[in-house]
Amino acid sequence: MTAEGFLEGRRLQLARGVLLQCIMGGYPPARFYGSDDGDLALIAEPGQIHRLPWSDEPRALAICDADELTGESSNLSTRGQLKAVIARYAARGLAPVVATELEFFVFAPNTDPTQPFRPPVGLDGRREDGLSAFSVSSNNGLRPFFSEVYKCMAALCLPRDTFMHEMGVSQFEINLLHGDPLLLADQTFLFKHLLKEVALKHGLTVVCMAKPLAHTPGSSMHIHQSIVDIATGKNVFSDNHGEPTAMFRHFIGGQQAGMADFTALFAPNVNSYQRLCHPYASPNNACWSHDNRAAGLRIPASAPVARRVENRLPGADANPYLAIAASLAAGLHGIEHELEPSEAIQGEFEVPDNLSLPCTLHAALERLKRSQLARELFGQEFIEGYIASKTMELTSFFDEITPWERRVLAAQA
């Protein structure tokens, strides 16, 4: 839209079906979004209109809500779903607080998708080789890229907590500052967009796939969650003596009750399960623990005022609005029904059957199909539409024969 049209208040409309467009570009049958495929109105969020600092010509981006023409939020909008979850907390006098940790890889351009990704050539003329987790010099070869990333983050008002080299080759992580869940989802979305755009300017490729490299840790989007009392501003997970509260236990119980049903929302792609099937620091379970990274739900070591629950299941490929909404909705379900969690685990442990999670996209979608909880929390229209779109993607994947199959199985009798 032109700047003049936007400033005049001209309404931008979008066909409902676009919200169910799959990643290959196609659409599920029209019955999943209304046979008329009528329009939605895109309503700009006033605080999320940004001039794009990486653009040579003046351009701006506005994050919008997708609303029905009658004014209510579309059930197919993941941003709308998150706003509805936050409103359910507010009705109880509560406000969730979240922070996201996003991991990503920086690669050289990959023009042939049949070839593996490769680290870029750094300022020293060499490619990173080996793992450089937390190294103080590991990103020096990419300093011009990261310098512009930092400047663009400042221009978009994206406050960052820590930035570090992660465990993989040319893998990095950012921790965004905790705050309102909708704001954090917006910031996570903007940051991923920023990364890819700045990378293109520097002749690089940023990849937020869950598992882009074999034999290398994948990329996650851990979600840290706490709840405050709106009236007092106090963390309701800790009592006046600094001890964990019943609400803290019930929140964990709700997370456990929803993780298997919601796995397809946290791990939305075929590749997501490559990360979870090699679960070093990427746990595919609904166990909880105090500071054990093998648990899907980790309670980080912290002061009582900062007591929180870290959901370690979502990958970097997850939709931040949907992943945060699903995690918070599960926690609220536990609070409302006073669900008790399992016993905490520590050290080496075996995952009980009732706390194991689907390990393929097919299994996760089948679990979501059977989930009455998902329909109660997100509505029939959204869940059925989501499953229809993801089933198209899974079918497309199965329409291709992989190099592994040709290499290993062709010679079999």
Protein backbone atom coordinates (compact mmCIF):
# COMPACT_ATOMS: atom_id res chain seq x y z
CA MET A 1 0.00 0.00 0.00
CA THR A 2 1.21 3.50 -0.66
CA ALA A 3 2.08 5.67 2.32
CA GLU A 4 -0.62 8.11 1.21
CA GLY A 5 -3.26 5.37 1.17
CA PHE A 6 -2.22 4.12 4.57
CA LEU A 7 -2.24 7.58 6.14
CA GLU A 8 -5.67 8.28 4.66
CA GLY A 9 -6.98 5.27 6.55
CA ARG A 10 -7.76 3.20 3.47
CA ARG A 11 -8.74 -0.31 4.54
CA LEU A 12 -6.68 -3.22 3.29
CA GLN A 13 -8.64 -6.44 2.85
CA LEU A 14 -7.50 -10.03 2.52
CA ALA A 15 -9.27 -13.23 1.51
CA ARG A 16 -9.94 -15.49 4.54
CA GLY A 17 -8.29 -18.44 2.84
CA VAL A 18 -4.90 -16.74 2.89
CA LEU A 19 -4.69 -17.44 6.64
CA LEU A 20 -4.67 -21.17 5.81
CA GLN A 21 -2.25 -20.97 2.90
CA CYS A 22 0.28 -23.78 3.22
CA ILE A 23 4.02 -23.26 2.93
CA MET A 24 4.08 -24.49 -0.69
CA GLY A 25 1.52 -21.84 -1.64
CA GLY A 26 -1.64 -23.92 -2.00
CA TYR A 27 -4.88 -23.92 -0.03
CA PRO A 28 -7.04 -26.59 1.59
CA PRO A 29 -10.65 -26.97 0.38
CA ALA A 30 -12.77 -23.84 0.77
CA ARG A 31 -15.01 -25.46 3.38
CA PHE A 32 -12.22 -24.87 5.93
CA TYR A 33 -12.34 -21.08 5.55
CA GLY A 34 -15.83 -20.43 4.20
CA SER A 35 -17.00 -21.39 0.74
CA ASP A 36 -17.43 -17.74 -0.27
CA ASP A 37 -13.79 -17.03 0.71
CA GLY A 38 -14.90 -13.60 1.84
CA ASP A 39 -12.61 -10.80 2.93
CA LEU A 40 -11.01 -9.98 6.24
CA ALA A 41 -9.93 -6.47 7.23
CA LEU A 42 -6.28 -5.93 8.13
CA ILE A 43 -6.20 -3.49 11.04
CA ALA A 44 -2.76 -2.05 11.78
CA GLU A 45 -1.50 -2.22 15.38
CA PRO A 46 -0.66 1.44 16.17
CA GLY A 47 2.45 0.54 18.17
CA GLN A 48 3.80 -1.81 15.52
CA ILE A 49 4.28 0.44 12.50
CA HIS A 50 7.96 0.56 11.61
CA ARG A 51 10.08 2.20 8.96
CA LEU A 52 12.41 -0.54 7.71
CA PRO A 53 15.99 0.54 8.41
CA TRP A 54 17.56 -1.96 6.00
CA SER A 55 15.62 -0.70 2.98
CA ASP A 56 17.43 1.64 0.60
CA GLU A 57 14.14 3.28 -0.42
CA PRO A 58 11.70 4.45 2.24
CA ARG A 59 9.46 1.54 3.20
CA ALA A 60 7.44 0.68 6.29
CA LEU A 61 5.91 -2.44 7.79
CA ALA A 62 2.74 -2.56 9.87
CA ILE A 63 1.77 -5.60 11.91
CA CYS A 64 -1.98 -6.06 11.57
CA ASP A 65 -4.84 -7.93 13.15
CA ALA A 66 -7.01 -9.93 10.77
CA ASP A 67 -10.61 -9.06 11.68
CA GLU A 68 -13.93 -10.11 10.22
CA LEU A 69 -15.73 -7.29 8.41
CA THR A 70 -18.22 -7.31 11.30
CA GLY A 71 -15.39 -6.20 13.61
CA GLU A 72 -14.55 -9.29 15.67
CA SER A 73 -11.21 -11.06 15.40
CA SER A 74 -11.00 -13.86 12.86
CA ASN A 75 -10.81 -17.31 14.44
CA LEU A 76 -8.18 -18.19 11.82
CA SER A 77 -5.78 -15.45 13.00
CA THR A 78 -2.98 -16.72 15.23
CA ARG A 79 -2.43 -13.18 16.56
CA GLY A 80 -6.11 -13.06 17.38
CA GLN A 81 -5.89 -16.42 19.13
CA LEU A 82 -3.07 -15.09 21.34
CA LYS A 83 -5.06 -11.96 22.19
CA ALA A 84 -8.00 -14.16 23.22
CA VAL A 85 -5.79 -16.22 25.56
CA ILE A 86 -4.42 -13.04 27.18
CA ALA A 87 -7.99 -11.79 27.64
CA ARG A 88 -8.94 -15.02 29.44
CA TYR A 89 -6.10 -14.41 31.90
CA ALA A 90 -7.18 -10.79 32.37
CA ALA A 91 -10.72 -11.92 33.23
CA ARG A 92 -9.16 -13.69 36.24
CA GLY A 93 -7.12 -10.63 37.23
CA LEU A 94 -3.92 -12.17 35.84
CA ALA A 95 -1.37 -11.14 33.23
CA PRO A 96 1.10 -13.62 31.70
CA VAL A 97 4.69 -12.53 31.16
CA VAL A 98 6.87 -14.28 28.57
CA ALA A 99 10.30 -14.16 26.99
CA THR A 100 11.52 -16.02 23.92
CA GLU A 101 14.94 -17.45 23.14
CA LEU A 102 15.40 -17.78 19.39
CA GLU A 103 18.19 -19.81 17.78
CA PHE A 104 19.16 -19.54 14.12
CA PHE A 105 21.95 -20.42 11.67
CA VAL A 106 23.87 -18.05 9.39
CA PHE A 107 24.93 -19.79 6.16
CA ALA A 108 26.44 -19.00 2.80
CA PRO A 109 23.88 -18.77 -0.02
CA ASN A 110 22.46 -22.17 -0.89
CA THR A 111 21.34 -22.12 -4.51
CA ASP A 112 21.11 -25.92 -4.81
CA PRO A 113 18.73 -27.37 -2.18
CA THR A 114 20.09 -30.86 -2.83
CA GLN A 115 23.38 -29.76 -1.24
CA PRO A 116 23.94 -29.25 2.51
CA PHE A 117 24.12 -25.78 4.00
CA ARG A 118 27.63 -24.41 4.54
CA PRO A 119 28.96 -21.77 6.93
CA PRO A 120 29.79 -18.45 5.27
CA VAL A 121 33.31 -17.25 4.52
CA GLY A 122 34.33 -14.89 7.30
CA LEU A 123 36.54 -11.81 7.26
CA ASP A 124 39.55 -14.09 7.67
CA GLY A 125 38.70 -15.85 4.41
CA ARG A 126 37.80 -19.11 6.13
CA ARG A 127 34.62 -20.97 7.03
CA GLU A 128 33.89 -21.76 10.65
CA ASP A 129 34.85 -25.35 11.42
CA GLY A 130 33.85 -27.09 14.63
CA LEU A 131 31.61 -25.92 17.43
CA SER A 132 32.19 -22.56 19.10
CA ALA A 133 29.49 -22.32 21.76
CA PHE A 134 29.81 -19.12 23.82
CA SER A 135 33.11 -18.22 22.17
CA VAL A 136 34.00 -14.54 22.54
CA SER A 137 35.49 -14.44 19.05
CA SER A 138 33.34 -16.87 17.08
CA ASN A 139 31.26 -14.22 15.30
CA ASN A 140 34.14 -11.93 14.35
CA GLY A 141 34.01 -13.15 10.77
CA LEU A 142 30.39 -11.98 10.63
CA ARG A 143 30.89 -8.70 12.46
CA PRO A 144 29.56 -6.43 9.66
CA PHE A 145 26.37 -8.50 9.51
CA PHE A 146 25.81 -8.50 13.26
CA SER A 147 26.64 -4.79 13.56
CA GLU A 148 23.82 -4.00 11.15
CA VAL A 149 21.50 -6.46 12.94
CA TYR A 150 22.09 -4.57 16.22
CA LYS A 151 21.48 -1.19 14.56
CA CYS A 152 18.29 -2.39 12.92
CA MET A 153 17.05 -3.87 16.20
CA ALA A 154 17.54 -0.49 17.86
CA ALA A 155 15.70 1.25 15.01
CA LEU A 156 12.75 -1.15 15.40
CA CYS A 157 12.76 -0.78 19.21
CA LEU A 158 13.64 -4.44 19.73
CA PRO A 159 15.41 -4.60 23.10
CA ARG A 160 17.79 -7.54 23.37
CA ASP A 161 19.00 -9.24 26.50
CA THR A 162 21.85 -11.51 25.43
CA PHE A 163 23.26 -12.58 22.08
CA MET A 164 25.63 -15.54 21.81
CA HIS A 165 27.12 -18.21 19.60
CA GLU A 166 25.24 -21.46 20.13
CA MET A 167 26.35 -25.08 19.94
CA GLY A 168 26.08 -25.57 16.16
CA VAL A 169 28.43 -24.44 13.41
CA SER A 170 27.53 -20.82 12.66
CA GLN A 171 24.54 -21.07 15.01
CA PHE A 172 23.51 -18.15 17.21
CA GLU A 173 20.89 -17.31 19.84
CA ILE A 174 19.17 -14.16 21.00
CA ASN A 175 17.24 -13.76 24.24
CA LEU A 176 14.54 -11.11 24.03
CA LEU A 177 13.57 -9.22 27.19
CA HIS A 178 10.51 -10.54 29.01
CA GLY A 179 7.22 -8.70 28.78
CA ASP A 180 3.67 -8.77 27.45
CA PRO A 181 3.09 -11.96 25.38
CA LEU A 182 1.61 -10.15 22.37
CA LEU A 183 4.52 -7.70 22.31
CA LEU A 184 7.02 -10.56 22.53
CA ALA A 185 5.32 -12.43 19.71
CA ASP A 186 5.44 -9.27 17.57
CA GLN A 187 9.11 -8.75 18.45
CA THR A 188 10.01 -12.36 17.67
CA PHE A 189 8.28 -12.11 14.30
CA LEU A 190 10.00 -8.79 13.52
CA PHE A 191 13.39 -10.12 14.55
CA LYS A 192 13.14 -13.15 12.26
CA HIS A 193 12.10 -10.89 9.37
CA LEU A 194 14.94 -8.49 10.16
CA LEU A 195 17.51 -11.30 10.23
CA LYS A 196 16.60 -12.58 6.79
CA GLU A 197 16.50 -9.13 5.19
CA VAL A 198 19.83 -7.97 6.64
CA ALA A 199 21.43 -11.29 5.73
CA LEU A 200 20.47 -10.83 2.07
CA LYS A 201 22.19 -7.42 2.05
CA HIS A 202 25.38 -9.10 3.26
CA GLY A 203 25.27 -12.02 0.85
CA LEU A 204 24.25 -14.44 3.60
CA THR A 205 21.33 -16.76 4.33
CA VAL A 206 19.68 -16.95 7.75
CA VAL A 207 17.85 -20.22 8.36
CA CYS A 208 15.27 -20.74 11.13
CA MET A 209 14.60 -24.38 10.28
CA ALA A 210 14.40 -26.59 13.34
CA LYS A 211 17.19 -28.89 12.08
CA PRO A 212 19.12 -27.59 9.04
CA LEU A 213 22.31 -29.63 9.60
CA ALA A 214 22.78 -33.32 10.32
CA HIS A 215 24.84 -34.31 13.39
CA THR A 216 24.34 -30.81 14.80
CA PRO A 217 21.96 -29.46 17.45
CA GLY A 218 18.78 -27.93 16.08
CA SER A 219 17.32 -24.49 16.64
CA SER A 220 14.64 -23.94 19.27
CA MET A 221 12.40 -21.13 20.43
CA HIS A 222 12.16 -21.69 24.16
CA ILE A 223 9.30 -19.81 25.84
CA HIS A 224 9.77 -18.56 29.43
CA GLN A 225 6.45 -17.99 31.21
CA SER A 226 5.35 -16.44 34.48
CA ILE A 227 2.10 -14.83 35.66
CA VAL A 228 1.58 -11.67 37.66
CA ASP A 229 -1.41 -10.45 39.62
CA ILE A 230 -2.68 -7.39 37.76
CA ALA A 231 -3.63 -5.58 40.97
CA THR A 232 -0.34 -6.08 42.81
CA GLY A 233 2.16 -6.83 40.05
CA LYS A 234 3.44 -9.82 42.05
CA ASN A 235 4.51 -13.10 40.51
CA VAL A 236 1.74 -15.54 41.50
CA PHE A 237 4.11 -18.50 41.14
CA SER A 238 5.78 -17.51 44.48
CA ASP A 239 4.14 -16.84 47.85
CA ASN A 240 5.14 -14.23 50.43
CA HIS A 241 7.78 -16.61 51.80
CA GLY A 242 9.35 -17.23 48.39
CA GLU A 243 7.92 -20.73 48.09
CA PRO A 244 6.14 -22.11 45.00
CA THR A 245 2.36 -21.71 45.04
CA ALA A 246 -0.52 -24.01 44.13
CA MET A 247 -1.05 -21.88 41.02
CA PHE A 248 2.53 -22.66 39.98
CA ARG A 249 1.85 -26.40 40.28
CA HIS A 250 -1.45 -26.13 38.43
CA PHE A 251 0.19 -24.16 35.59
CA ILE A 252 2.74 -26.96 35.16
CA GLY A 253 -0.05 -29.53 35.34
CA GLY A 254 -1.87 -27.74 32.52
CA GLN A 255 1.28 -27.56 30.42
CA GLN A 256 1.74 -31.30 30.82
CA ALA A 257 -1.92 -31.96 29.97
CA GLY A 258 -1.64 -30.01 26.71
CA MET A 259 1.85 -30.73 25.36
CA ALA A 260 1.08 -33.92 23.45
CA ASP A 261 -2.16 -32.55 22.03
CA PHE A 262 -0.43 -29.31 21.01
CA THR A 263 2.82 -30.78 19.67
CA ALA A 264 1.77 -30.00 16.08
CA LEU A 265 1.39 -26.34 17.10
CA PHE A 266 4.86 -26.21 18.69
CA ALA A 267 6.55 -28.36 16.00
CA PRO A 268 4.68 -27.45 12.80
CA ASN A 269 6.88 -28.91 10.05
CA VAL A 270 8.26 -32.26 8.93
CA ASN A 271 11.75 -31.01 9.77
CA SER A 272 10.67 -30.06 13.31
CA TYR A 273 10.84 -33.71 14.32
CA GLN A 274 14.43 -34.09 13.10
CA ARG A 275 15.31 -31.80 15.98
CA LEU A 276 13.14 -33.70 18.45
CA CYS A 277 14.28 -37.16 17.39
CA HIS A 278 17.87 -36.23 18.33
CA PRO A 279 16.90 -34.74 21.65
CA TYR A 280 20.16 -33.39 23.05
CA ALA A 281 18.95 -30.15 24.63
CA SER A 282 15.75 -30.57 22.56
CA PRO A 283 13.55 -32.73 24.76
CA ASN A 284 10.49 -34.38 23.26
CA ASN A 285 8.70 -35.09 26.53
CA ALA A 286 6.26 -33.46 28.94
CA CYS A 287 8.36 -34.10 32.04
CA TRP A 288 9.24 -31.18 34.29
CA SER A 289 12.34 -30.52 36.31
CA HIS A 290 14.28 -27.97 38.28
CA ASP A 291 17.05 -26.82 35.92
CA ASN A 292 17.36 -30.05 33.89
CA ARG A 293 17.62 -29.36 30.15
CA ALA A 294 16.48 -32.90 29.32
CA ALA A 295 12.96 -32.04 30.50
CA GLY A 296 10.41 -30.50 28.16
CA LEU A 297 9.37 -28.17 31.00
CA ARG A 298 12.31 -26.68 32.88
CA ILE A 299 12.22 -24.45 35.93
CA PRO A 300 15.35 -22.29 35.57
CA ALA A 301 17.34 -21.45 38.69
CA SER A 302 16.12 -18.02 39.78
CA ALA A 303 15.00 -15.86 42.67
CA PRO A 304 11.35 -16.35 43.76
CA VAL A 305 10.33 -13.08 42.10
CA ALA A 306 11.48 -14.51 38.76
CA ARG A 307 10.07 -18.03 39.17
CA ARG A 308 8.97 -19.18 35.72
CA VAL A 309 8.30 -22.21 33.54
CA GLU A 310 10.37 -22.70 30.39
CA ASN A 311 8.65 -24.62 27.58
CA ARG A 312 11.52 -26.15 25.63
CA LEU A 313 9.48 -27.92 22.95
CA PRO A 314 8.90 -25.19 20.33
CA GLY A 315 11.43 -24.94 17.51
CA ALA A 316 12.69 -21.82 15.77
CA ASP A 317 10.30 -22.71 12.94
CA ALA A 318 7.21 -22.31 15.14
CA ASN A 319 4.75 -19.46 14.66
CA PRO A 320 5.50 -17.30 17.75
CA TYR A 321 1.88 -16.17 18.13
CA LEU A 322 0.53 -19.70 18.00
CA ALA A 323 3.27 -21.29 20.12
CA ILE A 324 2.90 -18.70 22.89
CA ALA A 325 -0.89 -18.91 22.73
CA ALA A 326 -0.86 -22.71 22.97
CA SER A 327 1.59 -22.76 25.86
CA LEU A 328 -0.24 -20.10 27.88
CA ALA A 329 -3.65 -21.63 27.12
CA ALA A 330 -2.47 -24.99 28.45
CA GLY A 331 -1.19 -23.36 31.63
CA LEU A 332 -4.44 -21.49 32.19
CA HIS A 333 -6.37 -24.73 31.64
CA GLY A 334 -4.35 -26.24 34.47
CA ILE A 335 -5.07 -23.28 36.75
CA GLU A 336 -8.80 -23.33 36.01
CA HIS A 337 -9.09 -27.08 36.65
CA GLU A 338 -6.48 -27.22 39.44
CA LEU A 339 -4.49 -29.90 37.65
CA GLU A 340 -1.59 -31.40 39.58
CA PRO A 341 1.68 -32.13 37.77
CA SER A 342 3.65 -35.33 37.86
CA GLU A 343 6.62 -35.64 40.20
CA ALA A 344 9.60 -33.55 39.13
CA ILE A 345 12.46 -35.48 37.53
CA GLN A 346 16.18 -34.92 38.04
CA GLY A 347 19.34 -36.40 36.55
CA GLU A 348 19.11 -39.27 34.06
CA PHE A 349 15.52 -40.42 33.63
CA GLU A 350 13.21 -42.56 31.51
CA VAL A 351 10.19 -40.81 30.03
CA PRO A 352 6.93 -42.41 31.23
CA ASP A 353 4.53 -43.36 28.45
CA ASN A 354 1.95 -40.83 29.59
CA LEU A 355 4.52 -38.00 29.25
CA SER A 356 5.92 -38.98 25.84
CA LEU A 357 5.09 -36.85 22.80
CA PRO A 358 4.41 -37.54 19.11
CA CYS A 359 7.68 -37.90 17.22
CA THR A 360 6.49 -37.28 13.64
CA LEU A 361 4.27 -34.63 12.08
CA HIS A 362 1.82 -37.34 11.04
CA ALA A 363 1.51 -38.60 14.63
CA ALA A 364 1.22 -35.04 15.97
CA LEU A 365 -1.60 -34.19 13.55
CA GLU A 366 -3.43 -37.39 14.43
CA ARG A 367 -3.17 -36.46 18.12
CA LEU A 368 -4.44 -32.94 17.37
CA LYS A 369 -7.39 -34.39 15.42
CA ARG A 370 -8.47 -36.33 18.51
CA SER A 371 -7.97 -33.42 20.92
CA GLN A 372 -11.14 -32.08 22.47
CA LEU A 373 -8.97 -29.74 24.54
CA ALA A 374 -7.59 -28.06 21.41
CA ARG A 375 -11.10 -27.45 20.10
CA GLU A 376 -12.23 -26.05 23.44
CA LEU A 377 -9.31 -23.62 23.64
CA PHE A 378 -8.91 -22.59 19.98
CA GLY A 379 -12.23 -23.41 18.33
CA GLN A 380 -13.27 -25.99 15.78
CA GLU A 381 -12.69 -23.74 12.77
CA PHE A 382 -9.08 -22.97 13.63
CA ILE A 383 -8.06 -26.52 14.55
CA GLU A 384 -9.67 -28.15 11.53
CA GLY A 385 -8.24 -25.51 9.18
CA TYR A 386 -4.77 -25.85 10.68
CA ILE A 387 -4.85 -29.64 10.32
CA ALA A 388 -6.05 -29.35 6.71
CA SER A 389 -3.21 -27.00 5.78
CA LYS A 390 -0.55 -29.06 7.54
CA THR A 391 -1.87 -32.27 5.98
CA MET A 392 -1.29 -30.72 2.55
CA GLU A 393 2.31 -30.00 3.51
CA LEU A 394 2.86 -33.51 4.80
CA THR A 395 1.38 -35.00 1.61
CA SER A 396 3.70 -32.81 -0.47
CA PHE A 397 6.68 -34.09 1.52
CA PHE A 398 5.67 -37.71 0.91
CA ASP A 399 5.41 -36.97 -2.82
CA GLU A 400 9.21 -36.66 -2.96
CA ILE A 401 11.85 -39.39 -2.73
CA THR A 402 14.82 -38.30 -0.63
CA PRO A 403 18.52 -38.80 -1.46
CA TRP A 404 18.79 -41.17 1.53
CA GLU A 405 16.18 -43.47 0.00
CA ARG A 406 17.93 -43.54 -3.35
CA ARG A 407 21.35 -43.99 -1.78
CA VAL A 408 20.48 -46.71 0.72
CA LEU A 409 17.44 -48.53 -0.60
CA ALA A 410 18.06 -48.71 -4.33
CA ALA A 411 20.57 -51.52 -3.91
CA GLN A 412 18.30 -53.60 -1.67
CA ALA A 413 17.00 -56.91 -3.08
